[in-house]
Amino acid sequence: MSKLILIFGSLLLLVNTIVGLLLSKYPIFNWVSLDAVLIINTILLYKVSIAKMNNGFKVSLSFILLFLGIISTVLGVLSPYKFKDNYYLIGFVFILFIEMVFYLLAINFKSINSK
């Protein structure tokens, strides 16, 4: 399953990069932000899939990260291509923070349960 996550994430990244190179109307800011979303979510889902934690944590955390990744993808595509006053970028950073907190909590619960 973990290899499948890496392959699927890499394919999505490749498709987004090809689309970014081929379409002149696809802003570079959106292209790079969507690449960042795909890389971060692929890495997080991979880390969850290889972590030694309870299967309940794995399944629920995978669904949560996937759902938040889809929301981040939508924010990355719809984001205006500017840094100042970009609420989509703020939303992306906030969702990234939430994903990291969920991942770190799950890892800490795993270490608490194993003691």
Foldseek 3Di string as FASTA:
>chain_A
DLVVLVVVLVVVLVVLVVCVVPDPPQDPQLSVQLSVLSVLLSVLLSCLVPDPADVVLSVVLNVLSVVLSVLLNVLSRPWDPDDPPTVSVVSNVVSSVVNVVSSVVRNVVRVVVVD
